[in-house]
Protein backbone atom coordinates (compact mmCIF):
# COMPACT_ATOMS: atom_id res chain seq x y z
CA MET A 1 26.00 -3.14 -3.58
CA THR A 2 24.55 -3.58 -0.09
CA ASP A 3 24.65 -6.94 1.69
CA SER A 4 20.87 -7.33 1.41
CA LYS A 5 20.91 -6.52 -2.30
CA ARG A 6 23.78 -8.94 -2.89
CA LEU A 7 21.85 -11.66 -1.04
CA LEU A 8 18.78 -10.96 -3.19
CA TRP A 9 20.82 -11.41 -6.36
CA GLN A 10 22.36 -14.63 -5.09
CA GLN A 11 18.93 -16.02 -4.22
CA GLN A 12 17.35 -15.20 -7.60
CA ALA A 13 20.23 -15.80 -10.01
CA ASP A 14 20.33 -19.27 -11.53
CA GLY A 15 24.06 -19.84 -11.46
CA SER A 16 26.58 -17.16 -12.28
CA GLY A 17 25.64 -16.70 -15.94
CA ALA A 18 24.26 -13.55 -17.55
CA ASP A 19 20.72 -14.94 -17.72
CA GLY A 20 20.63 -15.54 -13.98
CA GLN A 21 21.96 -12.06 -13.28
CA THR A 22 19.36 -10.51 -15.60
CA ARG A 23 16.54 -12.34 -13.85
CA ALA A 24 17.92 -11.16 -10.52
CA ALA A 25 17.88 -7.60 -11.88
CA VAL A 26 14.24 -8.02 -12.97
CA VAL A 27 13.27 -9.26 -9.51
CA SER A 28 15.19 -6.40 -7.90
CA LEU A 29 13.22 -3.86 -9.94
CA LEU A 30 9.90 -5.47 -9.01
CA VAL A 31 10.91 -5.35 -5.34
CA ASP A 32 11.91 -1.68 -5.49
CA GLU A 33 9.27 -0.33 -7.87
CA GLY A 34 6.26 -2.64 -7.54
CA PRO A 35 4.32 -3.77 -10.64
CA MET A 36 5.96 -2.92 -13.97
CA THR A 37 5.45 -3.71 -17.65
CA ALA A 38 7.98 -5.60 -19.74
CA SER A 39 8.67 -2.39 -21.68
CA ASP A 40 9.35 -0.44 -18.48
CA ILE A 41 11.72 -3.13 -17.23
CA ALA A 42 13.50 -3.26 -20.59
CA GLU A 43 13.98 0.50 -20.58
CA ARG A 44 15.37 0.48 -17.04
CA LEU A 45 17.77 -2.41 -17.73
CA GLY A 46 18.76 -1.27 -21.20
CA ILE A 47 17.85 -4.56 -22.91
CA SER A 48 15.19 -5.58 -25.42
CA ALA A 49 11.57 -6.00 -24.40
CA ALA A 50 11.59 -9.44 -26.05
CA GLY A 51 14.49 -10.49 -23.82
CA VAL A 52 12.69 -9.22 -20.73
CA ARG A 53 9.53 -11.15 -21.67
CA ARG A 54 11.59 -14.33 -21.96
CA HIS A 55 12.94 -13.85 -18.44
CA LEU A 56 9.47 -12.95 -17.13
CA ASP A 57 8.10 -16.15 -18.66
CA ILE A 58 10.76 -18.17 -16.83
CA LEU A 59 10.11 -16.36 -13.55
CA THR A 60 6.35 -16.78 -14.00
CA ASP A 61 6.66 -20.49 -14.77
CA GLY A 62 8.76 -20.84 -11.62
CA GLY A 63 6.09 -19.14 -9.52
CA ASP A 64 8.29 -16.16 -8.61
CA VAL A 65 6.41 -13.56 -10.71
CA GLU A 66 2.74 -13.17 -11.58
CA LEU A 67 0.44 -10.76 -13.43
CA ALA A 68 -0.68 -7.76 -11.40
CA PRO A 69 -4.40 -7.01 -10.99
CA ALA A 70 -6.17 -5.36 -13.91
CA GLY A 71 -6.22 -2.04 -12.06
CA PHE A 72 -2.61 -1.43 -13.03
CA ASN A 73 -3.54 -1.13 -16.71
CA LYS A 74 -3.23 2.57 -17.43
CA GLY A 75 -5.49 2.56 -20.45
CA GLY A 76 -4.61 4.35 -23.66
CA ARG A 77 -4.74 3.12 -27.22
CA GLY A 78 -4.01 -0.38 -28.34
CA ARG A 79 -3.93 -3.60 -26.41
CA PRO A 80 -3.65 -3.14 -22.62
CA ALA A 81 -0.14 -3.80 -21.34
CA LYS A 82 0.53 -6.62 -18.90
CA TRP A 83 1.86 -5.56 -15.53
CA PHE A 84 4.05 -7.99 -13.59
CA GLN A 85 4.63 -8.18 -9.85
CA LEU A 86 6.52 -10.39 -7.44
CA ALA A 87 4.46 -13.42 -6.36
CA PRO A 88 4.34 -14.64 -2.74
CA ALA A 89 6.67 -17.54 -3.61
CA GLY A 90 9.20 -15.16 -5.12
CA ARG A 91 8.94 -12.80 -2.18
CA GLY A 92 9.56 -15.71 0.15
CA LYS A 93 12.99 -16.20 -1.40
CA LEU A 94 14.08 -12.70 -0.43
CA ARG A 95 14.46 -13.43 3.25
CA HIS A 96 17.41 -11.57 4.65
CA ALA A 97 19.83 -13.03 7.16
CA TYR A 98 18.96 -10.41 9.78
CA ASP A 99 15.29 -11.54 9.96
CA ASP A 100 16.16 -14.36 12.36
CA LEU A 101 18.15 -11.98 14.53
CA ALA A 102 15.30 -9.43 14.60
CA GLY A 103 12.78 -12.11 15.49
CA ALA A 104 14.98 -13.41 18.29
CA ALA A 105 15.47 -9.89 19.66
CA ILE A 106 11.71 -9.20 19.78
CA ARG A 107 11.02 -12.57 21.40
CA SER A 108 13.61 -11.76 24.04
CA LEU A 109 12.05 -8.31 24.56
CA ARG A 110 8.65 -9.92 25.14
CA ASP A 111 10.09 -12.47 27.57
CA VAL A 112 11.91 -9.84 29.58
CA ALA A 113 9.54 -6.85 29.47
CA GLY A 114 6.17 -8.29 28.44
CA GLN A 115 3.72 -7.79 25.59
CA ALA A 116 3.35 -4.06 26.22
CA ALA A 117 7.05 -3.58 25.45
CA VAL A 118 6.63 -5.30 22.07
CA GLU A 119 3.67 -3.08 21.23
CA LYS A 120 5.61 0.04 22.24
CA PHE A 121 8.58 -1.04 20.15
CA ALA A 122 6.30 -1.56 17.12
CA ARG A 123 4.66 1.83 17.57
CA ASP A 124 7.96 3.66 18.10
CA ARG A 125 9.24 2.08 14.91
CA VAL A 126 6.36 3.22 12.69
CA ASP A 127 6.29 6.65 14.35
CA GLY A 128 9.88 7.04 13.22
CA LEU A 129 8.94 6.08 9.64
CA VAL A 130 6.20 8.71 9.38
CA ALA A 131 7.76 11.36 11.62
CA GLY A 132 7.76 13.93 8.83
CA VAL A 133 4.16 13.39 7.72
CA ALA A 134 1.70 16.22 8.37
CA PRO A 135 -1.61 15.01 9.85
CA VAL A 136 -4.86 15.98 8.16
CA SER A 137 -5.38 18.70 10.77
CA GLU A 138 -2.29 20.42 9.32
CA SER A 139 -2.35 19.37 5.64
CA GLY A 140 -6.08 20.07 5.29
CA SER A 141 -6.50 17.09 2.95
CA VAL A 142 -6.85 13.35 3.54
CA ILE A 143 -5.33 12.62 0.13
CA ALA A 144 -2.37 14.92 0.75
CA THR A 145 -1.58 13.13 4.01
CA VAL A 146 -2.00 9.69 2.40
CA GLU A 147 0.47 10.67 -0.31
CA GLN A 148 2.95 11.86 2.33
CA ILE A 149 2.60 8.53 4.17
CA SER A 150 3.13 6.67 0.89
CA ALA A 151 6.26 8.70 0.11
CA ALA A 152 7.66 8.09 3.60
CA LEU A 153 7.07 4.35 3.30
CA THR A 154 8.64 4.25 -0.16
CA GLY A 155 11.69 5.98 1.23
CA ALA A 156 11.91 3.21 3.83
CA GLY A 157 11.80 0.46 1.20
CA TYR A 158 8.07 -0.33 1.07
CA ALA A 159 7.51 0.65 -2.62
CA ALA A 160 4.14 2.25 -1.82
CA ASP A 161 1.66 3.98 -4.11
CA VAL A 162 -1.84 5.47 -3.90
CA ARG A 163 -4.81 5.01 -6.21
CA GLU A 164 -8.45 6.10 -6.17
CA VAL A 165 -10.91 3.32 -5.36
CA GLY A 166 -14.64 3.99 -5.00
CA ALA A 167 -15.37 6.61 -2.35
CA GLY A 168 -11.80 6.73 -1.12
CA VAL A 169 -8.21 5.86 -1.91
CA GLN A 170 -6.18 2.70 -1.49
CA MET A 171 -2.56 2.74 -0.41
CA CYS A 172 -0.58 -0.31 -1.53
CA GLN A 173 2.82 -1.34 -0.20
CA HIS A 174 4.36 -3.66 -2.80
CA HIS A 175 7.27 -4.68 -0.61
CA CYS A 176 7.72 -5.12 3.13
CA PRO A 177 11.28 -5.17 4.48
CA VAL A 178 10.05 -6.79 7.72
CA ALA A 179 7.45 -9.19 6.30
CA HIS A 180 9.01 -12.34 7.76
CA VAL A 181 9.26 -10.79 11.21
CA ALA A 182 5.73 -9.34 10.98
CA ALA A 183 4.39 -12.81 10.19
CA GLU A 184 5.38 -13.78 13.74
CA PHE A 185 4.72 -10.39 15.31
CA PRO A 186 1.51 -8.86 13.87
CA GLU A 187 2.03 -5.99 16.30
CA LEU A 188 4.19 -4.41 13.58
CA CYS A 189 1.27 -4.29 11.14
CA GLU A 190 -1.20 -3.25 13.84
CA ALA A 191 1.03 -0.33 14.82
CA GLU A 192 1.13 0.86 11.21
CA THR A 193 -2.67 0.81 10.97
CA ALA A 194 -3.01 2.72 14.24
CA ALA A 195 -0.51 5.36 13.14
CA PHE A 196 -2.26 5.81 9.77
CA THR A 197 -5.62 6.19 11.54
CA GLU A 198 -4.29 8.92 13.84
CA LEU A 199 -2.58 10.84 11.04
CA LEU A 200 -5.64 10.69 8.77
CA GLY A 201 -8.23 11.36 11.44
CA THR A 202 -10.46 8.60 10.10
CA HIS A 203 -10.81 4.86 10.45
CA VAL A 204 -8.70 3.01 7.88
CA GLN A 205 -9.17 -0.62 6.91
CA ARG A 206 -6.29 -3.02 6.29
CA LEU A 207 -7.42 -5.23 3.40
CA ALA A 208 -4.31 -7.36 2.91
CA THR A 209 -0.77 -7.78 4.22
CA ILE A 210 2.34 -9.40 2.80
CA ALA A 211 2.97 -10.91 6.23
CA ASN A 212 -0.24 -12.93 5.80
CA GLY A 213 0.84 -14.21 2.39
CA ASP A 214 -0.83 -11.56 0.21
CA CYS A 215 0.98 -9.95 -2.71
CA VAL A 216 0.71 -6.44 -1.25
CA CYS A 217 -0.12 -4.63 1.94
CA SER A 218 -3.32 -2.79 1.04
CA THR A 219 -5.02 -0.12 3.16
CA HIS A 220 -8.36 1.49 2.29
CA VAL A 221 -8.80 5.12 3.34
CA PRO A 222 -12.27 6.73 3.08
CA VAL A 223 -12.06 10.26 1.74
CA HIS A 224 -15.65 11.44 2.17
CA ARG A 225 -16.58 10.73 5.76
CA PRO A 226 -20.21 11.01 6.94
CA ALA A 227 -19.19 13.78 9.33
CA ASP A 228 -17.92 15.84 6.40
CA VAL A 229 -21.32 15.89 4.67
CA ALA A 230 -23.33 18.98 5.58
CA GLU A 231 -26.86 18.27 6.74
CA PRO A 232 -29.60 20.09 4.83
CA GLN A 233 -30.88 23.21 6.54
CA ASN A 234 -34.43 24.52 6.98
CA VAL A 235 -36.12 21.36 5.79
CA LEU A 236 -39.84 21.98 5.32
CA ASP A 237 -42.38 19.90 7.14
CA PRO A 238 -43.82 17.47 4.58
CA LYS A 239 -47.31 18.45 5.78
CA ALA A 240 -46.61 22.05 4.79
CA THR A 241 -46.67 21.09 1.10
CA SER A 242 -50.44 20.71 1.30
CA GLN A 243 -50.87 24.34 2.38
CA PRO A 244 -51.24 27.20 -0.09
CA VAL A 245 -48.13 29.20 -0.88
CA VAL A 246 -47.94 32.60 0.78
CA ALA A 247 -47.33 34.25 -2.61
CA ASP A 248 -50.85 33.25 -3.63
CA ASN A 249 -52.27 35.17 -0.69
CA PRO A 250 -51.37 38.88 -0.90
CA ASP A 251 -52.71 39.54 2.60
CA GLY A 252 -50.35 36.89 4.02
CA LYS A 253 -53.20 34.96 5.65
CA VAL A 254 -53.70 31.25 5.20
CA PRO A 255 -57.32 30.62 4.15
CA ARG A 256 -59.40 28.42 6.40
């Protein structure tokens, strides 16, 4: 078990009993996987769904867990399943010891080298995260590149996914390993948005961020851009509709 994972368990477990450890395991899954149903959690932990619901009720009553938006309901027969996600209060308890050190290091960087150095650091960091992602100019598809970005972020601990929303897609990051640092240094979030925009070749809109207290980092990506829509060709002059059709005049002359 890593130091950060051990700290997470210590923060969420109520005492050293089995119940506290189970609740810590539930929280750990929600951090790593994003929204889940009680049945999914039960299957992953190898315990009964009823037992999981009891722990979810306790975590919900304590403000650490909440119901996910209705969009996570996958449909199907029967009553829609409830999807649970980590609430802002619960996420706030996951602060790692190295956050203070990281914040101090960036503050020192800004003091010594200026704001531009902080912005370069933030950009270099996100460029490293998405180094293996093919831009749209290579992948040939906005959605394909979004999915590659999502996979890269998930591999870095952001628990990202992609869903269709209206005339585009929305990429959601259900966890942010640097949320507490990004709350002080929004340059980290701004660098992500800039990198996504360059890779996708279109303007993306950041709708929410964990650093600002939201439950997820949400980015809207338009799929059908105005420039991609072909303009109609050979449009007739509206006045021409009042003239007789050439087919009605075998000699090809327009009557006067």
